[in-house]
Amino acid sequence: MTTSSLGYPRIGEQREWKKALEAYWSNSISEDDLHAQLKEIRLNHLRKQKKAGIDVIPVGDFTYYDHILDASVMFGLIPKRYDYSGGPVSIDTYFAMARGNAELLPVK
């Protein structure tokens, strides 16, 4: 018998994912710290599934905020109001599109 998982809740057992995002949004941690914390959460989820003996563990289910927003960013579908001129999308632009910021409202 082969076991598999459809995914692992990314929020974490103690809501670690949400706490890391909120810490970044409140400027309590740096962008590097955010990336490091979310990476560690993802790795812990993979380790737990492996330790549980799951044979087929899904990957690529990571998102900072929203899978649809991820697809837009991946294809460079950034509204003009975000002054995007090509290349990688900054994490601040990504979150502005998702949540808005002091200058811009989120995309609807």
Protein backbone atom coordinates (compact mmCIF):
# COMPACT_ATOMS: atom_id res chain seq x y z
CA MET A 1 0.00 0.00 0.00
CA THR A 2 1.20 3.52 -0.83
CA THR A 3 0.15 6.44 1.34
CA SER A 4 -0.17 10.04 0.22
CA SER A 5 -1.29 13.41 1.44
CA LEU A 6 -3.24 16.11 -0.34
CA GLY A 7 -1.30 18.78 1.52
CA TYR A 8 -0.43 19.98 4.96
CA PRO A 9 -2.08 23.01 6.57
CA ARG A 10 0.48 25.75 6.06
CA ILE A 11 -0.69 27.88 8.96
CA GLY A 12 1.14 25.62 11.44
CA GLU A 13 0.07 23.86 14.60
CA GLN A 14 0.31 27.05 16.66
CA ARG A 15 -0.51 29.45 13.79
CA GLU A 16 3.21 30.09 13.25
CA TRP A 17 2.70 31.07 9.60
CA LYS A 18 0.16 33.77 10.43
CA LYS A 19 2.29 35.05 13.31
CA ALA A 20 5.34 35.36 11.03
CA LEU A 21 3.33 37.29 8.42
CA GLU A 22 1.85 39.60 11.02
CA ALA A 23 5.30 40.22 12.52
CA TYR A 24 6.60 41.20 9.08
CA TRP A 25 3.61 43.44 8.35
CA SER A 26 4.13 45.23 11.69
CA ASN A 27 7.87 45.65 10.95
CA SER A 28 8.80 43.45 13.92
CA ILE A 29 10.91 41.15 11.72
CA SER A 30 12.86 41.72 8.53
CA GLU A 31 12.12 40.28 5.09
CA ASP A 32 15.04 37.87 5.54
CA ASP A 33 13.60 36.72 8.88
CA LEU A 34 10.19 36.20 7.26
CA HIS A 35 11.68 34.05 4.50
CA ALA A 36 13.71 32.05 7.04
CA GLN A 37 10.75 31.46 9.36
CA LEU A 38 8.41 30.37 6.57
CA LYS A 39 11.08 28.09 5.12
CA GLU A 40 11.56 26.42 8.49
CA ILE A 41 7.80 25.94 8.90
CA ARG A 42 7.59 24.31 5.44
CA LEU A 43 10.56 22.03 6.18
CA ASN A 44 9.05 21.01 9.52
CA HIS A 45 5.80 20.07 7.76
CA LEU A 46 7.71 17.93 5.25
CA ARG A 47 9.70 16.27 8.05
CA LYS A 48 6.53 15.44 10.01
CA GLN A 49 4.92 13.84 6.99
CA LYS A 50 8.06 11.84 6.22
CA LYS A 51 8.34 10.72 9.84
CA ALA A 52 4.68 9.65 9.75
CA GLY A 53 5.57 7.32 6.89
CA ILE A 54 3.71 9.10 4.11
CA ASP A 55 5.08 7.84 0.80
CA VAL A 56 3.93 10.61 -1.56
CA ILE A 57 4.33 14.04 0.01
CA PRO A 58 3.07 16.98 -2.05
CA VAL A 59 5.39 19.88 -2.79
CA GLY A 60 4.81 23.24 -4.44
CA ASP A 61 1.84 24.11 -2.25
CA PHE A 62 3.68 27.06 -0.72
CA THR A 63 2.29 30.58 -0.91
CA TYR A 64 3.03 33.68 1.07
CA TYR A 65 -0.59 34.74 0.88
CA ASP A 66 -2.73 33.43 -2.01
CA HIS A 67 -2.28 30.92 -4.85
CA ILE A 68 -4.17 33.06 -7.38
CA LEU A 69 -2.01 36.07 -6.54
CA ASP A 70 1.03 33.81 -6.97
CA ALA A 71 -0.08 32.95 -10.52
CA SER A 72 -0.54 36.64 -11.35
CA VAL A 73 2.93 37.44 -10.05
CA MET A 74 4.48 34.46 -11.84
CA PHE A 75 3.18 35.73 -15.18
CA GLY A 76 3.90 39.40 -14.45
CA LEU A 77 0.22 40.35 -14.41
CA ILE A 78 0.76 43.36 -12.18
CA PRO A 79 -1.59 46.37 -12.47
CA LYS A 80 0.07 49.57 -13.68
CA ARG A 81 -0.69 51.38 -10.42
CA TYR A 82 2.02 49.26 -8.73
CA ASP A 83 4.75 50.75 -10.97
CA TYR A 84 5.94 47.31 -12.01
CA SER A 85 8.53 47.44 -14.78
CA GLY A 86 9.32 43.73 -15.14
CA GLY A 87 11.53 41.27 -13.33
CA PRO A 88 11.00 39.88 -9.85
CA VAL A 89 8.09 41.27 -7.86
CA SER A 90 9.13 42.52 -4.42
CA ILE A 91 7.47 41.02 -1.39
CA ASP A 92 6.13 44.48 -0.50
CA THR A 93 4.47 44.83 -3.92
CA TYR A 94 3.09 41.31 -3.55
CA PHE A 95 1.54 42.14 -0.17
CA ALA A 96 0.30 45.53 -1.41
CA MET A 97 -1.57 43.71 -4.15
CA ALA A 98 -3.02 41.31 -1.58
CA ARG A 99 -3.81 43.68 1.28
CA GLY A 100 -3.25 47.22 0.09
CA ASN A 101 -0.90 49.64 1.76
CA ALA A 102 -0.85 53.31 2.75
CA GLU A 103 -0.89 54.43 -0.90
CA LEU A 104 -2.74 51.67 -2.75
CA LEU A 105 -5.78 49.51 -2.25
CA PRO A 106 -5.56 45.80 -3.08
CA VAL A 107 -6.53 44.51 -6.51
CA LYS A 108 -10.19 43.48 -6.68
